[in-house]
Every structure is written in C-alpha cells, then in structure tokens.
Amino acid sequence: MKKDIHPEYRKVVFLDTSSDFKFLSGSTKNSDETIEWEDGNTYPLIRVEISSDTHPFYTGKQKADKVGGRVDRFKKKYNMK
C-alpha cells in the first residue's frame, strides 16, 4: 500500500441538531468544533440534520413538513370546502 494517501481515521462525535442526540463513531471527516464526551476525552464534533434518532425509518413516525397536498392548498387559497 502507498504511504500518506489515506485520510486519518479517528473517533468523532455526531450531533443530531434536530433532537440533540449524540453518538461516538469512527470517521475520516474533519471538523473545527470539539466536544467533551462521556469518557472525559475531547473529540471532533460533526453536526448532522438527521440520524437514527430522528429518521422515520427507525422511529416509525413521519415528520409532516407540509400540511395537506395540492388540492388542500388550492381549496385553502380560494376558501373552498
């Protein structure tokens, strides 16, 4: 194997910004932020928008971004029932 071509693999903390869920895992991703983990060590912090804590596949709950479909929005726009 060639030397000095592989990224550095280290432990990092991932933070789900929507639920404040944190987990420690290995990654090659870089970060300027750090956080002190439960074991007392300081690790790089990677912020993510969704994780297993908030993803509908794992939680079984759908997150409704838009209320109603096209027809419902049309009816609301023109005050129809």
C-alpha atoms as a PDB file:
ATOM      1  CA  MET A   1       0.000   0.000   0.000  1.00  0.00           C
ATOM      2  CA  LYS A   2       1.139   3.539  -0.704  1.00  0.00           C
ATOM      3  CA  LYS A   3       2.001   5.651   2.318  1.00  0.00           C
ATOM      4  CA  ASP A   4       0.434   9.034   3.150  1.00  0.00           C
ATOM      5  CA  ILE A   5      -2.503   8.773   0.730  1.00  0.00           C
ATOM      6  CA  HIS A   6      -5.205   7.625   3.128  1.00  0.00           C
ATOM      7  CA  PRO A   7      -7.218  10.059   5.280  1.00  0.00           C
ATOM      8  CA  GLU A   8      -6.828   9.887   9.047  1.00  0.00           C
ATOM      9  CA  TYR A   9      -9.475   7.647  10.630  1.00  0.00           C
ATOM     10  CA  ARG A  10     -10.399   8.708  14.168  1.00  0.00           C
ATOM     11  CA  LYS A  11     -13.255   8.779  16.627  1.00  0.00           C
ATOM     12  CA  VAL A  12     -15.710  11.680  16.273  1.00  0.00           C
ATOM     13  CA  VAL A  13     -18.984  12.672  17.934  1.00  0.00           C
ATOM     14  CA  PHE A  14     -22.015  13.125  15.688  1.00  0.00           C
ATOM     15  CA  LEU A  15     -24.701  15.532  16.936  1.00  0.00           C
ATOM     16  CA  ASP A  16     -28.241  15.392  15.531  1.00  0.00           C
ATOM     17  CA  THR A  17     -29.222  19.075  15.502  1.00  0.00           C
ATOM     18  CA  SER A  18     -32.966  18.376  15.493  1.00  0.00           C
ATOM     19  CA  SER A  19     -33.008  16.234  18.650  1.00  0.00           C
ATOM     20  CA  ASP A  20     -29.627  16.899  20.356  1.00  0.00           C
ATOM     21  CA  PHE A  21     -28.889  13.148  20.145  1.00  0.00           C
ATOM     22  CA  LYS A  22     -25.129  12.421  20.231  1.00  0.00           C
ATOM     23  CA  PHE A  23     -23.166   9.288  19.406  1.00  0.00           C
ATOM     24  CA  LEU A  24     -19.498   8.390  19.138  1.00  0.00           C
ATOM     25  CA  SER A  25     -18.298   6.707  15.957  1.00  0.00           C
ATOM     26  CA  GLY A  26     -15.295   6.463  13.685  1.00  0.00           C
ATOM     27  CA  SER A  27     -14.894   8.769  10.687  1.00  0.00           C
ATOM     28  CA  THR A  28     -12.405  10.430   8.364  1.00  0.00           C
ATOM     29  CA  LYS A  29     -14.416  13.681   8.300  1.00  0.00           C
ATOM     30  CA  ASN A  30     -12.683  16.809   9.625  1.00  0.00           C
ATOM     31  CA  SER A  31     -14.199  19.365  11.986  1.00  0.00           C
ATOM     32  CA  ASP A  32     -13.032  22.530  13.723  1.00  0.00           C
ATOM     33  CA  GLU A  33     -15.504  22.040  16.593  1.00  0.00           C
ATOM     34  CA  THR A  34     -14.765  19.731  19.512  1.00  0.00           C
ATOM     35  CA  ILE A  35     -16.805  18.321  22.369  1.00  0.00           C
ATOM     36  CA  GLU A  36     -16.003  16.524  25.595  1.00  0.00           C
ATOM     37  CA  TRP A  37     -17.547  13.046  25.558  1.00  0.00           C
ATOM     38  CA  GLU A  38     -18.842  10.989  28.494  1.00  0.00           C
ATOM     39  CA  ASP A  39     -15.476   9.229  28.879  1.00  0.00           C
ATOM     40  CA  GLY A  40     -13.732  12.559  29.574  1.00  0.00           C
ATOM     41  CA  ASN A  41     -11.899  12.695  26.226  1.00  0.00           C
ATOM     42  CA  THR A  42     -12.308  15.511  23.686  1.00  0.00           C
ATOM     43  CA  TYR A  43     -13.380  14.536  20.161  1.00  0.00           C
ATOM     44  CA  PRO A  44     -14.173  16.445  16.946  1.00  0.00           C
ATOM     45  CA  LEU A  45     -17.874  17.327  16.622  1.00  0.00           C
ATOM     46  CA  ILE A  46     -19.827  16.726  13.398  1.00  0.00           C
ATOM     47  CA  ARG A  47     -23.322  18.251  13.191  1.00  0.00           C
ATOM     48  CA  VAL A  48     -25.932  16.317  11.175  1.00  0.00           C
ATOM     49  CA  GLU A  49     -29.546  17.163  10.362  1.00  0.00           C
ATOM     50  CA  ILE A  50     -30.894  13.633  10.697  1.00  0.00           C
ATOM     51  CA  SER A  51     -29.746  10.462  12.428  1.00  0.00           C
ATOM     52  CA  SER A  52     -31.220   7.164  13.562  1.00  0.00           C
ATOM     53  CA  ASP A  53     -32.845   9.088  16.419  1.00  0.00           C
ATOM     54  CA  THR A  54     -34.993  11.222  14.085  1.00  0.00           C
ATOM     55  CA  HIS A  55     -35.165   9.285  10.782  1.00  0.00           C
ATOM     56  CA  PRO A  56     -38.701   7.985  10.050  1.00  0.00           C
ATOM     57  CA  PHE A  57     -37.381   4.520   9.125  1.00  0.00           C
ATOM     58  CA  TYR A  58     -36.026   3.999  12.650  1.00  0.00           C
ATOM     59  CA  THR A  59     -38.645   5.948  14.618  1.00  0.00           C
ATOM     60  CA  GLY A  60     -41.734   4.765  12.731  1.00  0.00           C
ATOM     61  CA  LYS A  61     -43.059   8.345  12.707  1.00  0.00           C
ATOM     62  CA  GLN A  62     -43.430  10.562   9.675  1.00  0.00           C
ATOM     63  CA  LYS A  63     -42.447  14.183  10.006  1.00  0.00           C
ATOM     64  CA  ALA A  64     -45.009  16.415   8.298  1.00  0.00           C
ATOM     65  CA  ASP A  65     -43.257  19.336   6.637  1.00  0.00           C
ATOM     66  CA  LYS A  66     -46.230  20.351   4.523  1.00  0.00           C
ATOM     67  CA  VAL A  67     -49.763  20.122   5.784  1.00  0.00           C
ATOM     68  CA  GLY A  68     -52.095  18.905   3.076  1.00  0.00           C
ATOM     69  CA  GLY A  69     -51.460  18.247  -0.568  1.00  0.00           C
ATOM     70  CA  ARG A  70     -52.042  20.305  -3.675  1.00  0.00           C
ATOM     71  CA  VAL A  71     -55.805  20.055  -3.528  1.00  0.00           C
ATOM     72  CA  ASP A  72     -55.930  21.087   0.125  1.00  0.00           C
ATOM     73  CA  ARG A  73     -53.706  24.097  -0.523  1.00  0.00           C
ATOM     74  CA  PHE A  74     -55.834  25.100  -3.532  1.00  0.00           C
ATOM     75  CA  LYS A  75     -59.033  24.885  -1.520  1.00  0.00           C
ATOM     76  CA  LYS A  76     -57.496  26.882   1.302  1.00  0.00           C
ATOM     77  CA  LYS A  77     -56.205  29.531  -1.095  1.00  0.00           C
ATOM     78  CA  TYR A  78     -59.656  30.074  -2.640  1.00  0.00           C
ATOM     79  CA  ASN A  79     -61.699  29.486   0.556  1.00  0.00           C
ATOM     80  CA  MET A  80     -63.368  26.344  -0.789  1.00  0.00           C
ATOM     81  CA  LYS A  81     -64.599  23.439   1.269  1.00  0.00           C
END
